[in-house]
Amino acid sequence: MTPNARFEFKYVLDAFGYFKVRNTIATHFSKDHISQSAPDGRYLVRSLYYDNHAYQAYYEKVVGENHRTKLRLRAYGDDIN
């Protein structure tokens, strides 16, 4: 593997597997300041990705370009003003 290579594994979990993993890793993490103040401990994350007319960012992702550019606007919580 090359230095700084990025990879990921994805798994399909049933409800039991989801809660087992969630409860196992929960002891290693703490909630961030936004979820701590949210009524149910959760909040919405909105992401807007930008690309050019030639879809350069899209095609760089599809072919697996390691040194690609991604421009993303992200908003957290319900207040997007």
N, C-alpha and C. Protein backbone atom coordinates (compact mmCIF):
# COMPACT_ATOMS: atom_id res chain seq x y z
N MET A 1 0.84 -1.18 0.00
CA MET A 1 0.00 0.00 0.00
C MET A 1 0.89 1.24 0.00
N THR A 2 0.50 2.23 -0.76
CA THR A 2 1.29 3.46 -0.84
C THR A 2 1.01 4.33 0.39
N PRO A 3 1.98 5.16 0.77
CA PRO A 3 1.75 6.07 1.90
C PRO A 3 0.55 6.97 1.63
N ASN A 4 -0.21 7.27 2.65
CA ASN A 4 -1.39 8.12 2.57
C ASN A 4 -2.49 7.56 1.68
N ALA A 5 -2.44 6.26 1.39
CA ALA A 5 -3.51 5.66 0.59
C ALA A 5 -4.78 5.60 1.44
N ARG A 6 -5.87 5.78 0.79
CA ARG A 6 -7.15 5.77 1.50
C ARG A 6 -7.92 4.54 1.07
N PHE A 7 -8.51 3.86 2.03
CA PHE A 7 -9.34 2.71 1.73
C PHE A 7 -10.42 2.62 2.79
N GLU A 8 -11.46 1.88 2.49
CA GLU A 8 -12.53 1.69 3.46
C GLU A 8 -13.22 0.36 3.19
N PHE A 9 -13.81 -0.17 4.22
CA PHE A 9 -14.61 -1.38 4.13
C PHE A 9 -16.04 -1.01 4.51
N LYS A 10 -17.01 -1.57 3.81
CA LYS A 10 -18.41 -1.32 4.12
C LYS A 10 -19.09 -2.65 4.43
N TYR A 11 -19.95 -2.62 5.42
CA TYR A 11 -20.64 -3.82 5.86
C TYR A 11 -22.13 -3.54 5.99
N VAL A 12 -22.93 -4.53 5.69
CA VAL A 12 -24.37 -4.45 5.92
C VAL A 12 -24.64 -5.12 7.26
N LEU A 13 -25.31 -4.40 8.16
CA LEU A 13 -25.61 -4.93 9.50
C LEU A 13 -27.11 -5.01 9.70
N ASP A 14 -27.55 -6.04 10.38
CA ASP A 14 -28.94 -6.06 10.82
C ASP A 14 -29.03 -5.20 12.09
N ALA A 15 -30.23 -5.04 12.62
CA ALA A 15 -30.43 -4.17 13.79
C ALA A 15 -29.59 -4.63 14.98
N PHE A 16 -29.52 -5.92 15.22
CA PHE A 16 -28.75 -6.44 16.34
C PHE A 16 -27.26 -6.09 16.18
N GLY A 17 -26.72 -6.32 14.97
CA GLY A 17 -25.33 -6.02 14.71
C GLY A 17 -25.04 -4.53 14.86
N TYR A 18 -25.96 -3.69 14.38
CA TYR A 18 -25.80 -2.24 14.50
C TYR A 18 -25.67 -1.82 15.96
N PHE A 19 -26.60 -2.27 16.80
CA PHE A 19 -26.57 -1.88 18.21
C PHE A 19 -25.36 -2.46 18.93
N LYS A 20 -24.94 -3.65 18.55
CA LYS A 20 -23.76 -4.24 19.16
C LYS A 20 -22.51 -3.40 18.85
N VAL A 21 -22.34 -3.03 17.59
CA VAL A 21 -21.20 -2.19 17.21
C VAL A 21 -21.30 -0.82 17.88
N ARG A 22 -22.48 -0.21 17.81
CA ARG A 22 -22.67 1.12 18.40
C ARG A 22 -22.36 1.12 19.89
N ASN A 23 -22.85 0.14 20.61
CA ASN A 23 -22.60 0.09 22.05
C ASN A 23 -21.15 -0.22 22.38
N THR A 24 -20.50 -1.00 21.53
CA THR A 24 -19.09 -1.32 21.76
C THR A 24 -18.20 -0.09 21.57
N ILE A 25 -18.42 0.68 20.51
CA ILE A 25 -17.56 1.83 20.27
C ILE A 25 -17.95 3.06 21.10
N ALA A 26 -19.17 3.08 21.63
CA ALA A 26 -19.64 4.24 22.40
C ALA A 26 -18.76 4.53 23.61
N THR A 27 -18.14 3.53 24.17
CA THR A 27 -17.29 3.74 25.35
C THR A 27 -15.99 4.45 25.01
N HIS A 28 -15.68 4.56 23.71
CA HIS A 28 -14.44 5.19 23.27
C HIS A 28 -14.62 6.60 22.73
N PHE A 29 -15.85 7.08 22.68
CA PHE A 29 -16.15 8.38 22.10
C PHE A 29 -17.02 9.19 23.05
N SER A 30 -16.97 10.50 22.87
CA SER A 30 -17.90 11.37 23.61
C SER A 30 -18.67 12.21 22.59
N LYS A 31 -19.83 12.68 22.99
CA LYS A 31 -20.66 13.48 22.09
C LYS A 31 -20.04 14.85 21.91
N ASP A 32 -20.22 15.41 20.71
CA ASP A 32 -19.72 16.76 20.46
C ASP A 32 -20.66 17.79 21.07
N HIS A 33 -20.23 19.05 21.07
CA HIS A 33 -21.00 20.09 21.74
C HIS A 33 -22.37 20.32 21.11
N ILE A 34 -22.52 20.03 19.81
CA ILE A 34 -23.82 20.23 19.17
C ILE A 34 -24.81 19.16 19.64
N SER A 35 -24.40 17.91 19.65
CA SER A 35 -25.32 16.85 20.08
C SER A 35 -25.60 16.91 21.58
N GLN A 36 -24.66 17.43 22.36
CA GLN A 36 -24.90 17.57 23.79
C GLN A 36 -26.03 18.55 24.08
N SER A 37 -26.19 19.57 23.22
CA SER A 37 -27.23 20.56 23.45
C SER A 37 -28.52 20.24 22.70
N ALA A 38 -28.51 19.23 21.85
CA ALA A 38 -29.72 18.86 21.10
C ALA A 38 -30.68 18.09 22.00
N PRO A 39 -31.98 18.34 21.85
CA PRO A 39 -32.97 17.69 22.72
C PRO A 39 -32.89 16.16 22.73
N ASP A 40 -32.71 15.55 21.57
CA ASP A 40 -32.64 14.08 21.51
C ASP A 40 -31.21 13.57 21.29
N GLY A 41 -30.22 14.47 21.40
CA GLY A 41 -28.83 14.07 21.25
C GLY A 41 -28.38 13.89 19.82
N ARG A 42 -29.23 14.30 18.87
CA ARG A 42 -28.91 14.13 17.45
C ARG A 42 -29.10 15.46 16.72
N TYR A 43 -28.47 15.60 15.56
CA TYR A 43 -28.66 16.79 14.75
C TYR A 43 -28.44 16.48 13.28
N LEU A 44 -28.96 17.34 12.45
CA LEU A 44 -28.91 17.18 11.01
C LEU A 44 -27.60 17.73 10.46
N VAL A 45 -27.01 17.02 9.51
CA VAL A 45 -25.82 17.48 8.81
C VAL A 45 -26.18 17.57 7.32
N ARG A 46 -25.99 18.75 6.76
CA ARG A 46 -26.26 18.96 5.33
C ARG A 46 -24.94 19.21 4.63
N SER A 47 -24.73 18.52 3.49
CA SER A 47 -23.51 18.71 2.71
C SER A 47 -23.89 19.04 1.28
N LEU A 48 -23.24 20.07 0.73
CA LEU A 48 -23.44 20.47 -0.66
C LEU A 48 -22.08 20.44 -1.33
N TYR A 49 -21.96 19.61 -2.37
CA TYR A 49 -20.70 19.45 -3.08
C TYR A 49 -20.74 20.23 -4.39
N TYR A 50 -19.65 20.88 -4.72
CA TYR A 50 -19.55 21.68 -5.94
C TYR A 50 -18.66 20.99 -6.95
N ASP A 51 -18.94 21.22 -8.22
CA ASP A 51 -18.14 20.66 -9.30
C ASP A 51 -18.15 21.66 -10.45
N ASN A 52 -17.33 21.43 -11.47
CA ASN A 52 -17.35 22.32 -12.63
C ASN A 52 -18.23 21.71 -13.72
N HIS A 53 -18.36 22.43 -14.85
CA HIS A 53 -19.25 21.97 -15.93
C HIS A 53 -18.78 20.66 -16.57
N ALA A 54 -17.51 20.35 -16.44
CA ALA A 54 -16.97 19.11 -17.00
C ALA A 54 -17.05 17.95 -16.01
N TYR A 55 -17.63 18.20 -14.83
CA TYR A 55 -17.75 17.16 -13.78
C TYR A 55 -16.39 16.61 -13.38
N GLN A 56 -15.41 17.48 -13.27
CA GLN A 56 -14.05 17.06 -12.95
C GLN A 56 -13.97 16.34 -11.60
N ALA A 57 -14.58 16.88 -10.57
CA ALA A 57 -14.53 16.25 -9.24
C ALA A 57 -15.19 14.87 -9.27
N TYR A 58 -16.31 14.77 -9.98
CA TYR A 58 -17.00 13.48 -10.08
C TYR A 58 -16.11 12.44 -10.75
N TYR A 59 -15.53 12.78 -11.90
CA TYR A 59 -14.72 11.80 -12.62
C TYR A 59 -13.43 11.47 -11.89
N GLU A 60 -12.86 12.42 -11.16
CA GLU A 60 -11.68 12.12 -10.35
C GLU A 60 -12.01 11.09 -9.28
N LYS A 61 -13.20 11.19 -8.71
CA LYS A 61 -13.62 10.21 -7.71
C LYS A 61 -13.86 8.85 -8.34
N VAL A 62 -14.55 8.82 -9.49
CA VAL A 62 -14.88 7.57 -10.16
C VAL A 62 -13.63 6.78 -10.54
N VAL A 63 -12.60 7.47 -11.05
CA VAL A 63 -11.39 6.75 -11.46
C VAL A 63 -10.44 6.50 -10.31
N GLY A 64 -10.74 7.05 -9.13
CA GLY A 64 -9.91 6.80 -7.96
C GLY A 64 -8.69 7.68 -7.86
N GLU A 65 -8.77 8.87 -8.42
CA GLU A 65 -7.65 9.81 -8.35
C GLU A 65 -7.30 10.09 -6.89
N ASN A 66 -6.04 9.86 -6.51
CA ASN A 66 -5.63 10.04 -5.11
C ASN A 66 -5.48 11.51 -4.72
N HIS A 67 -5.12 12.36 -5.65
CA HIS A 67 -4.88 13.77 -5.35
C HIS A 67 -5.97 14.62 -6.00
N ARG A 68 -7.18 14.41 -5.56
CA ARG A 68 -8.29 15.15 -6.14
C ARG A 68 -8.71 16.30 -5.24
N THR A 69 -9.47 17.20 -5.82
CA THR A 69 -9.97 18.35 -5.09
C THR A 69 -11.47 18.17 -4.85
N LYS A 70 -11.90 18.47 -3.63
CA LYS A 70 -13.31 18.39 -3.31
C LYS A 70 -13.70 19.69 -2.60
N LEU A 71 -14.70 20.36 -3.12
CA LEU A 71 -15.20 21.58 -2.50
C LEU A 71 -16.57 21.27 -1.92
N ARG A 72 -16.68 21.40 -0.60
CA ARG A 72 -17.90 21.01 0.10
C ARG A 72 -18.31 22.12 1.06
N LEU A 73 -19.59 22.41 1.07
CA LEU A 73 -20.18 23.33 2.05
C LEU A 73 -21.01 22.47 3.00
N ARG A 74 -20.78 22.58 4.30
CA ARG A 74 -21.47 21.73 5.26
C ARG A 74 -22.10 22.60 6.33
N ALA A 75 -23.35 22.24 6.69
CA ALA A 75 -24.07 22.94 7.75
C ALA A 75 -24.51 21.92 8.78
N TYR A 76 -24.43 22.30 10.04
CA TYR A 76 -24.78 21.40 11.13
C TYR A 76 -25.98 21.97 11.89
N GLY A 77 -26.92 21.10 12.24
CA GLY A 77 -28.09 21.52 13.00
C GLY A 77 -29.18 22.05 12.10
N ASP A 78 -30.25 22.52 12.73
CA ASP A 78 -31.42 23.00 11.99
C ASP A 78 -31.28 24.43 11.52
N ASP A 79 -30.44 25.23 12.16
CA ASP A 79 -30.30 26.64 11.82
C ASP A 79 -29.29 26.80 10.69
N ILE A 80 -29.76 27.10 9.48
CA ILE A 80 -28.85 27.24 8.35
C ILE A 80 -28.74 28.71 7.92
N ASN A 81 -29.14 29.63 8.75
CA ASN A 81 -29.07 31.06 8.39
C ASN A 81 -27.67 31.59 8.50
